[in-house]
Amino acid sequence: MFYKVRSVTPCPDYELRVSFVNGETKSYRVAPLFHKWKPFEALRSTKGLFDQVQVDAGGYGISWNDDIDLSCNELYNNGIPMK
């Protein structure tokens, strides 16, 4: 099952607020990925790149560029529910 993304908002400290089409909103921490996957380091080292996050066509994920993206299921399964 896919949990399609409706919108994504960059927040301080490399967190994302992700709204899904099912009405849920979750917070997702990107900072732990800096050490896990090398391309994500650019989000910290390239000024302004983190704020350029966009929802992919169809809502199946989000991306910053051709090298850095996250799937909708990653965001949903590992995000923290927000009220």
C-alpha atoms as a PDB file:
ATOM      1  CA  MET A   1       0.000   0.000   0.000  1.00  0.00           C
ATOM      2  CA  PHE A   2       1.239   3.470  -0.855  1.00  0.00           C
ATOM      3  CA  TYR A   3       0.719   6.424   1.476  1.00  0.00           C
ATOM      4  CA  LYS A   4       0.808   9.203  -1.083  1.00  0.00           C
ATOM      5  CA  VAL A   5       2.232  12.577  -0.087  1.00  0.00           C
ATOM      6  CA  ARG A   6       0.005  15.645  -0.443  1.00  0.00           C
ATOM      7  CA  SER A   7       2.531  18.264   0.687  1.00  0.00           C
ATOM      8  CA  VAL A   8       5.918  18.649   2.334  1.00  0.00           C
ATOM      9  CA  THR A   9       7.269  21.576   4.339  1.00  0.00           C
ATOM     10  CA  PRO A  10      10.924  21.964   5.381  1.00  0.00           C
ATOM     11  CA  CYS A  11      11.344  22.859   9.076  1.00  0.00           C
ATOM     12  CA  PRO A  12      14.329  23.860  11.234  1.00  0.00           C
ATOM     13  CA  ASP A  13      16.918  21.266  12.253  1.00  0.00           C
ATOM     14  CA  TYR A  14      16.457  19.214   9.065  1.00  0.00           C
ATOM     15  CA  GLU A  15      12.947  18.057   9.827  1.00  0.00           C
ATOM     16  CA  LEU A  16      10.084  17.773   7.371  1.00  0.00           C
ATOM     17  CA  ARG A  17       6.362  18.159   7.963  1.00  0.00           C
ATOM     18  CA  VAL A  18       4.717  15.713   5.566  1.00  0.00           C
ATOM     19  CA  SER A  19       0.970  15.671   4.875  1.00  0.00           C
ATOM     20  CA  PHE A  20      -0.512  12.570   3.282  1.00  0.00           C
ATOM     21  CA  VAL A  21      -3.625  12.229   1.148  1.00  0.00           C
ATOM     22  CA  ASN A  22      -5.259  10.115   3.894  1.00  0.00           C
ATOM     23  CA  GLY A  23      -5.306  13.236   6.109  1.00  0.00           C
ATOM     24  CA  GLU A  24      -2.418  12.273   8.386  1.00  0.00           C
ATOM     25  CA  THR A  25       0.569  14.554   9.000  1.00  0.00           C
ATOM     26  CA  LYS A  26       3.950  13.298  10.180  1.00  0.00           C
ATOM     27  CA  SER A  27       7.291  14.776  11.138  1.00  0.00           C
ATOM     28  CA  TYR A  28      10.346  13.164   9.542  1.00  0.00           C
ATOM     29  CA  ARG A  29      13.940  13.753  10.669  1.00  0.00           C
ATOM     30  CA  VAL A  30      16.371  13.878   7.744  1.00  0.00           C
ATOM     31  CA  ALA A  31      19.572  14.517   9.754  1.00  0.00           C
ATOM     32  CA  PRO A  32      20.203  10.814  10.581  1.00  0.00           C
ATOM     33  CA  LEU A  33      20.445  10.124   6.836  1.00  0.00           C
ATOM     34  CA  PHE A  34      23.510  12.377   6.441  1.00  0.00           C
ATOM     35  CA  HIS A  35      25.766   9.591   7.707  1.00  0.00           C
ATOM     36  CA  LYS A  36      23.737   6.706   6.323  1.00  0.00           C
ATOM     37  CA  TRP A  37      23.651   7.706   2.633  1.00  0.00           C
ATOM     38  CA  LYS A  38      26.333   9.954   1.151  1.00  0.00           C
ATOM     39  CA  PRO A  39      24.083  11.970  -1.227  1.00  0.00           C
ATOM     40  CA  PHE A  40      22.067  13.256   1.759  1.00  0.00           C
ATOM     41  CA  GLU A  41      25.162  15.055   3.095  1.00  0.00           C
ATOM     42  CA  ALA A  42      24.565  17.681   0.378  1.00  0.00           C
ATOM     43  CA  LEU A  43      21.388  18.768   2.193  1.00  0.00           C
ATOM     44  CA  ARG A  44      23.592  20.016   5.020  1.00  0.00           C
ATOM     45  CA  SER A  45      26.594  21.230   3.037  1.00  0.00           C
ATOM     46  CA  THR A  46      24.791  23.040   0.173  1.00  0.00           C
ATOM     47  CA  LYS A  47      23.166  26.235   1.408  1.00  0.00           C
ATOM     48  CA  GLY A  48      19.445  26.389   0.654  1.00  0.00           C
ATOM     49  CA  LEU A  49      19.160  22.907  -0.862  1.00  0.00           C
ATOM     50  CA  PHE A  50      17.148  21.441   2.022  1.00  0.00           C
ATOM     51  CA  ASP A  51      14.445  24.098   1.532  1.00  0.00           C
ATOM     52  CA  GLN A  52      13.992  23.089  -2.124  1.00  0.00           C
ATOM     53  CA  VAL A  53      12.186  19.831  -1.271  1.00  0.00           C
ATOM     54  CA  GLN A  54       9.235  19.004  -3.539  1.00  0.00           C
ATOM     55  CA  VAL A  55       6.545  16.346  -3.785  1.00  0.00           C
ATOM     56  CA  ASP A  56       7.188  13.983  -6.691  1.00  0.00           C
ATOM     57  CA  ALA A  57       4.583  13.603  -9.428  1.00  0.00           C
ATOM     58  CA  GLY A  58       1.763  11.398  -8.194  1.00  0.00           C
ATOM     59  CA  GLY A  59       2.749  11.815  -4.539  1.00  0.00           C
ATOM     60  CA  TYR A  60       4.866   8.648  -4.414  1.00  0.00           C
ATOM     61  CA  GLY A  61       7.717  10.439  -2.666  1.00  0.00           C
ATOM     62  CA  ILE A  62       9.650  13.660  -2.281  1.00  0.00           C
ATOM     63  CA  SER A  63      12.893  14.866  -3.814  1.00  0.00           C
ATOM     64  CA  TRP A  64      15.452  17.620  -3.755  1.00  0.00           C
ATOM     65  CA  ASN A  65      17.217  16.755  -7.000  1.00  0.00           C
ATOM     66  CA  ASP A  66      17.981  13.728  -9.187  1.00  0.00           C
ATOM     67  CA  ASP A  67      20.242  12.206  -6.519  1.00  0.00           C
ATOM     68  CA  ILE A  68      18.292  12.807  -3.293  1.00  0.00           C
ATOM     69  CA  ASP A  69      14.792  11.479  -2.708  1.00  0.00           C
ATOM     70  CA  LEU A  70      12.622   9.574  -0.236  1.00  0.00           C
ATOM     71  CA  SER A  71       9.667   7.296  -0.905  1.00  0.00           C
ATOM     72  CA  CYS A  72       6.196   7.962   0.437  1.00  0.00           C
ATOM     73  CA  ASN A  73       6.314   4.723   2.440  1.00  0.00           C
ATOM     74  CA  GLU A  74       9.647   5.647   4.064  1.00  0.00           C
ATOM     75  CA  LEU A  75       8.161   8.954   5.173  1.00  0.00           C
ATOM     76  CA  TYR A  76       4.949   7.372   6.419  1.00  0.00           C
ATOM     77  CA  ASN A  77       6.441   4.332   8.162  1.00  0.00           C
ATOM     78  CA  ASN A  78       9.299   6.209   9.853  1.00  0.00           C
ATOM     79  CA  GLY A  79       7.646   9.575  10.439  1.00  0.00           C
ATOM     80  CA  ILE A  80       6.320  10.656  13.822  1.00  0.00           C
ATOM     81  CA  PRO A  81       2.572  11.409  13.870  1.00  0.00           C
ATOM     82  CA  MET A  82       1.692  15.070  14.489  1.00  0.00           C
ATOM     83  CA  LYS A  83      -1.502  16.333  16.050  1.00  0.00           C
END
